[in-house]
Amino acid sequence: MSSNGTEAQMLIGYIRFNLLQFEGVCEEKGDICSFKCQIAGGSGGYCDKAKMCNCRQM
């Protein structure tokens, strides 16, 4: 029995969530990046070198 369909759906869901990003929040004072990511359902976020806020999954 193959579960490739289920695995593909789970992978697509993971990728979609993993790519959640916010632009323009890394320049603001405080940890607005993590705050916005937590509101969006993540466990926090970090700013990369390109000043993009990347959310971590739960």
PDB file of N, CA and C in Angstrom:
ATOM      1  N   MET A   1       0.842  -1.180   0.000  1.00  0.00           N
ATOM      2  CA  MET A   1       0.000   0.000   0.000  1.00  0.00           C
ATOM      3  C   MET A   1       0.891   1.248   0.000  1.00  0.00           C
ATOM      4  N   SER A   2       0.627   2.176  -0.888  1.00  0.00           N
ATOM      5  CA  SER A   2       1.444   3.376  -1.009  1.00  0.00           C
ATOM      6  C   SER A   2       0.712   4.580  -0.425  1.00  0.00           C
ATOM      7  N   SER A   3       1.456   5.436   0.255  1.00  0.00           N
ATOM      8  CA  SER A   3       0.857   6.644   0.826  1.00  0.00           C
ATOM      9  C   SER A   3       1.477   7.891   0.205  1.00  0.00           C
ATOM     10  N   ASN A   4       1.897   7.788  -1.049  1.00  0.00           N
ATOM     11  CA  ASN A   4       2.556   8.922  -1.704  1.00  0.00           C
ATOM     12  C   ASN A   4       1.671  10.160  -1.773  1.00  0.00           C
ATOM     13  N   GLY A   5       0.384  10.007  -1.991  1.00  0.00           N
ATOM     14  CA  GLY A   5      -0.508  11.155  -2.050  1.00  0.00           C
ATOM     15  C   GLY A   5      -0.547  11.916  -0.748  1.00  0.00           C
ATOM     16  N   THR A   6      -0.640  11.198   0.360  1.00  0.00           N
ATOM     17  CA  THR A   6      -0.673  11.833   1.671  1.00  0.00           C
ATOM     18  C   THR A   6       0.652  12.517   1.968  1.00  0.00           C
ATOM     19  N   GLU A   7       1.755  11.858   1.660  1.00  0.00           N
ATOM     20  CA  GLU A   7       3.068  12.445   1.913  1.00  0.00           C
ATOM     21  C   GLU A   7       3.261  13.720   1.095  1.00  0.00           C
ATOM     22  N   ALA A   8       2.800  13.709  -0.140  1.00  0.00           N
ATOM     23  CA  ALA A   8       2.937  14.891  -0.982  1.00  0.00           C
ATOM     24  C   ALA A   8       2.120  16.052  -0.423  1.00  0.00           C
ATOM     25  N   GLN A   9       0.922  15.787   0.041  1.00  0.00           N
ATOM     26  CA  GLN A   9       0.087  16.836   0.607  1.00  0.00           C
ATOM     27  C   GLN A   9       0.725  17.403   1.867  1.00  0.00           C
ATOM     28  N   MET A  10       1.279  16.539   2.692  1.00  0.00           N
ATOM     29  CA  MET A  10       1.918  16.996   3.916  1.00  0.00           C
ATOM     30  C   MET A  10       3.153  17.834   3.572  1.00  0.00           C
ATOM     31  N   LEU A  11       3.922  17.413   2.583  1.00  0.00           N
ATOM     32  CA  LEU A  11       5.113  18.140   2.178  1.00  0.00           C
ATOM     33  C   LEU A  11       4.745  19.511   1.629  1.00  0.00           C
ATOM     34  N   ILE A  12       3.729  19.576   0.804  1.00  0.00           N
ATOM     35  CA  ILE A  12       3.289  20.861   0.256  1.00  0.00           C
ATOM     36  C   ILE A  12       2.837  21.780   1.381  1.00  0.00           C
ATOM     37  N   GLY A  13       2.108  21.263   2.346  1.00  0.00           N
ATOM     38  CA  GLY A  13       1.677  22.072   3.486  1.00  0.00           C
ATOM     39  C   GLY A  13       2.857  22.580   4.283  1.00  0.00           C
ATOM     40  N   TYR A  14       3.857  21.741   4.477  1.00  0.00           N
ATOM     41  CA  TYR A  14       5.055  22.142   5.215  1.00  0.00           C
ATOM     42  C   TYR A  14       5.801  23.244   4.475  1.00  0.00           C
ATOM     43  N   ILE A  15       5.985  23.085   3.188  1.00  0.00           N
ATOM     44  CA  ILE A  15       6.711  24.082   2.406  1.00  0.00           C
ATOM     45  C   ILE A  15       5.959  25.405   2.414  1.00  0.00           C
ATOM     46  N   ARG A  16       4.664  25.329   2.249  1.00  0.00           N
ATOM     47  CA  ARG A  16       3.862  26.546   2.239  1.00  0.00           C
ATOM     48  C   ARG A  16       4.019  27.298   3.561  1.00  0.00           C
ATOM     49  N   PHE A  17       3.992  26.594   4.674  1.00  0.00           N
ATOM     50  CA  PHE A  17       4.108  27.245   5.976  1.00  0.00           C
ATOM     51  C   PHE A  17       5.542  27.727   6.209  1.00  0.00           C
ATOM     52  N   ASN A  18       6.495  26.929   5.777  1.00  0.00           N
ATOM     53  CA  ASN A  18       7.896  27.257   6.004  1.00  0.00           C
ATOM     54  C   ASN A  18       8.303  28.520   5.249  1.00  0.00           C
ATOM     55  N   LEU A  19       7.614  28.869   4.163  1.00  0.00           N
ATOM     56  CA  LEU A  19       7.963  30.031   3.367  1.00  0.00           C
ATOM     57  C   LEU A  19       7.233  31.295   3.800  1.00  0.00           C
ATOM     58  N   LEU A  20       6.568  31.261   4.946  1.00  0.00           N
ATOM     59  CA  LEU A  20       5.866  32.448   5.424  1.00  0.00           C
ATOM     60  C   LEU A  20       6.880  33.524   5.770  1.00  0.00           C
ATOM     61  N   GLN A  21       6.771  34.657   5.095  1.00  0.00           N
ATOM     62  CA  GLN A  21       7.715  35.754   5.282  1.00  0.00           C
ATOM     63  C   GLN A  21       6.978  37.077   5.363  1.00  0.00           C
ATOM     64  N   PHE A  22       7.607  38.020   6.033  1.00  0.00           N
ATOM     65  CA  PHE A  22       7.088  39.383   6.101  1.00  0.00           C
ATOM     66  C   PHE A  22       8.192  40.325   5.665  1.00  0.00           C
ATOM     67  N   GLU A  23       7.813  41.339   4.933  1.00  0.00           N
ATOM     68  CA  GLU A  23       8.776  42.309   4.435  1.00  0.00           C
ATOM     69  C   GLU A  23       8.591  43.628   5.185  1.00  0.00           C
ATOM     70  N   GLY A  24       9.694  44.287   5.498  1.00  0.00           N
ATOM     71  CA  GLY A  24       9.629  45.616   6.107  1.00  0.00           C
ATOM     72  C   GLY A  24       9.467  45.625   7.618  1.00  0.00           C
ATOM     73  N   VAL A  25       9.522  44.484   8.284  1.00  0.00           N
ATOM     74  CA  VAL A  25       9.375  44.480   9.748  1.00  0.00           C
ATOM     75  C   VAL A  25      10.726  44.391  10.460  1.00  0.00           C
ATOM     76  N   CYS A  26      11.763  43.991   9.753  1.00  0.00           N
ATOM     77  CA  CYS A  26      13.079  43.827  10.385  1.00  0.00           C
ATOM     78  C   CYS A  26      13.716  45.167  10.731  1.00  0.00           C
ATOM     79  N   GLU A  27      13.274  46.234  10.073  1.00  0.00           N
ATOM     80  CA  GLU A  27      13.818  47.563  10.357  1.00  0.00           C
ATOM     81  C   GLU A  27      13.139  48.220  11.552  1.00  0.00           C
ATOM     82  N   GLU A  28      11.998  47.698  11.992  1.00  0.00           N
ATOM     83  CA  GLU A  28      11.251  48.287  13.101  1.00  0.00           C
ATOM     84  C   GLU A  28      11.917  47.957  14.435  1.00  0.00           C
ATOM     85  N   LYS A  29      11.669  48.799  15.445  1.00  0.00           N
ATOM     86  CA  LYS A  29      12.217  48.560  16.780  1.00  0.00           C
ATOM     87  C   LYS A  29      11.491  47.395  17.437  1.00  0.00           C
ATOM     88  N   GLY A  30      12.199  46.676  18.281  1.00  0.00           N
ATOM     89  CA  GLY A  30      11.604  45.535  18.971  1.00  0.00           C
ATOM     90  C   GLY A  30      11.631  44.299  18.084  1.00  0.00           C
ATOM     91  N   ASP A  31      11.071  43.228  18.609  1.00  0.00           N
ATOM     92  CA  ASP A  31      11.068  41.961  17.872  1.00  0.00           C
ATOM     93  C   ASP A  31       9.723  41.779  17.165  1.00  0.00           C
ATOM     94  N   ILE A  32       9.432  42.682  16.253  1.00  0.00           N
ATOM     95  CA  ILE A  32       8.167  42.657  15.516  1.00  0.00           C
ATOM     96  C   ILE A  32       8.093  41.418  14.627  1.00  0.00           C
ATOM     97  N   CYS A  33       9.230  40.950  14.145  1.00  0.00           N
ATOM     98  CA  CYS A  33       9.271  39.766  13.284  1.00  0.00           C
ATOM     99  C   CYS A  33       8.689  38.557  14.017  1.00  0.00           C
ATOM    100  N   SER A  34       9.204  38.253  15.200  1.00  0.00           N
ATOM    101  CA  SER A  34       8.687  37.106  15.968  1.00  0.00           C
ATOM    102  C   SER A  34       7.226  37.306  16.338  1.00  0.00           C
ATOM    103  N   PHE A  35       6.862  38.531  16.694  1.00  0.00           N
ATOM    104  CA  PHE A  35       5.486  38.841  17.075  1.00  0.00           C
ATOM    105  C   PHE A  35       4.527  38.549  15.919  1.00  0.00           C
ATOM    106  N   LYS A  36       4.849  39.022  14.719  1.00  0.00           N
ATOM    107  CA  LYS A  36       3.985  38.777  13.555  1.00  0.00           C
ATOM    108  C   LYS A  36       3.918  37.288  13.220  1.00  0.00           C
ATOM    109  N   CYS A  37       5.037  36.584  13.347  1.00  0.00           N
ATOM    110  CA  CYS A  37       5.049  35.152  13.057  1.00  0.00           C
ATOM    111  C   CYS A  37       4.199  34.379  14.063  1.00  0.00           C
ATOM    112  N   GLN A  38       4.238  34.770  15.324  1.00  0.00           N
ATOM    113  CA  GLN A  38       3.420  34.095  16.322  1.00  0.00           C
ATOM    114  C   GLN A  38       1.946  34.319  16.052  1.00  0.00           C
ATOM    115  N   ILE A  39       1.570  35.510  15.627  1.00  0.00           N
ATOM    116  CA  ILE A  39       0.178  35.792  15.270  1.00  0.00           C
ATOM    117  C   ILE A  39      -0.248  34.929  14.081  1.00  0.00           C
ATOM    118  N   ALA A  40       0.680  34.707  13.149  1.00  0.00           N
ATOM    119  CA  ALA A  40       0.385  33.906  11.951  1.00  0.00           C
ATOM    120  C   ALA A  40       0.387  32.403  12.241  1.00  0.00           C
ATOM    121  N   GLY A  41       0.730  32.013  13.478  1.00  0.00           N
ATOM    122  CA  GLY A  41       0.669  30.604  13.845  1.00  0.00           C
ATOM    123  C   GLY A  41       2.013  29.912  13.948  1.00  0.00           C
ATOM    124  N   GLY A  42       3.094  30.658  13.836  1.00  0.00           N
ATOM    125  CA  GLY A  42       4.425  30.074  13.970  1.00  0.00           C
ATOM    126  C   GLY A  42       4.930  30.160  15.402  1.00  0.00           C
ATOM    127  N   SER A  43       6.142  29.674  15.621  1.00  0.00           N
ATOM    128  CA  SER A  43       6.706  29.717  16.968  1.00  0.00           C
ATOM    129  C   SER A  43       7.668  30.882  17.137  1.00  0.00           C
ATOM    130  N   GLY A  44       7.774  31.714  16.159  1.00  0.00           N
ATOM    131  CA  GLY A  44       8.672  32.863  16.204  1.00  0.00           C
ATOM    132  C   GLY A  44       9.245  33.106  14.828  1.00  0.00           C
ATOM    133  N   GLY A  45      10.151  34.060  14.741  1.00  0.00           N
ATOM    134  CA  GLY A  45      10.738  34.367  13.454  1.00  0.00           C
ATOM    135  C   GLY A  45      12.120  34.955  13.613  1.00  0.00           C
ATOM    136  N   TYR A  46      12.815  35.076  12.492  1.00  0.00           N
ATOM    137  CA  TYR A  46      14.152  35.659  12.494  1.00  0.00           C
ATOM    138  C   TYR A  46      14.339  36.473  11.222  1.00  0.00           C
ATOM    139  N   CYS A  47      15.187  37.476  11.300  1.00  0.00           N
ATOM    140  CA  CYS A  47      15.506  38.308  10.142  1.00  0.00           C
ATOM    141  C   CYS A  47      16.779  37.787   9.499  1.00  0.00           C
ATOM    142  N   ASP A  48      16.745  37.636   8.176  1.00  0.00           N
ATOM    143  CA  ASP A  48      17.932  37.171   7.463  1.00  0.00           C
ATOM    144  C   ASP A  48      18.745  38.370   6.960  1.00  0.00           C
ATOM    145  N   LYS A  49      19.817  38.091   6.226  1.00  0.00           N
ATOM    146  CA  LYS A  49      20.706  39.149   5.738  1.00  0.00           C
ATOM    147  C   LYS A  49      20.010  40.099   4.769  1.00  0.00           C
ATOM    148  N   ALA A  50      18.985  39.607   4.081  1.00  0.00           N
ATOM    149  CA  ALA A  50      18.229  40.442   3.142  1.00  0.00           C
ATOM    150  C   ALA A  50      17.139  41.236   3.862  1.00  0.00           C
ATOM    151  N   LYS A  51      17.130  41.185   5.188  1.00  0.00           N
ATOM    152  CA  LYS A  51      16.145  41.871   6.033  1.00  0.00           C
ATOM    153  C   LYS A  51      14.727  41.407   5.768  1.00  0.00           C
ATOM    154  N   MET A  52      14.590  40.105   5.472  1.00  0.00           N
ATOM    155  CA  MET A  52      13.281  39.467   5.341  1.00  0.00           C
ATOM    156  C   MET A  52      13.009  38.717   6.633  1.00  0.00           C
ATOM    157  N   CYS A  53      11.801  38.821   7.132  1.00  0.00           N
ATOM    158  CA  CYS A  53      11.388  38.116   8.340  1.00  0.00           C
ATOM    159  C   CYS A  53      10.896  36.725   7.924  1.00  0.00           C
ATOM    160  N   ASN A  54      11.558  35.697   8.397  1.00  0.00           N
ATOM    161  CA  ASN A  54      11.207  34.305   8.081  1.00  0.00           C
ATOM    162  C   ASN A  54      10.630  33.639   9.326  1.00  0.00           C
ATOM    163  N   CYS A  55       9.475  33.037   9.181  1.00  0.00           N
ATOM    164  CA  CYS A  55       8.793  32.412  10.311  1.00  0.00           C
ATOM    165  C   CYS A  55       9.208  30.956  10.489  1.00  0.00           C
ATOM    166  N   ARG A  56       9.323  30.553  11.751  1.00  0.00           N
ATOM    167  CA  ARG A  56       9.597  29.146  12.087  1.00  0.00           C
ATOM    168  C   ARG A  56       8.257  28.441  12.298  1.00  0.00           C
ATOM    169  N   GLN A  57       8.218  27.177  11.938  1.00  0.00           N
ATOM    170  CA  GLN A  57       6.985  26.417  12.137  1.00  0.00           C
ATOM    171  C   GLN A  57       6.874  26.004  13.590  1.00  0.00           C
ATOM    172  N   MET A  58       5.662  25.656  13.999  1.00  0.00           N
ATOM    173  CA  MET A  58       5.412  25.191  15.371  1.00  0.00           C
ATOM    174  C   MET A  58       6.007  23.849  15.586  1.00  0.00           C
TER     175      MET A  58
END
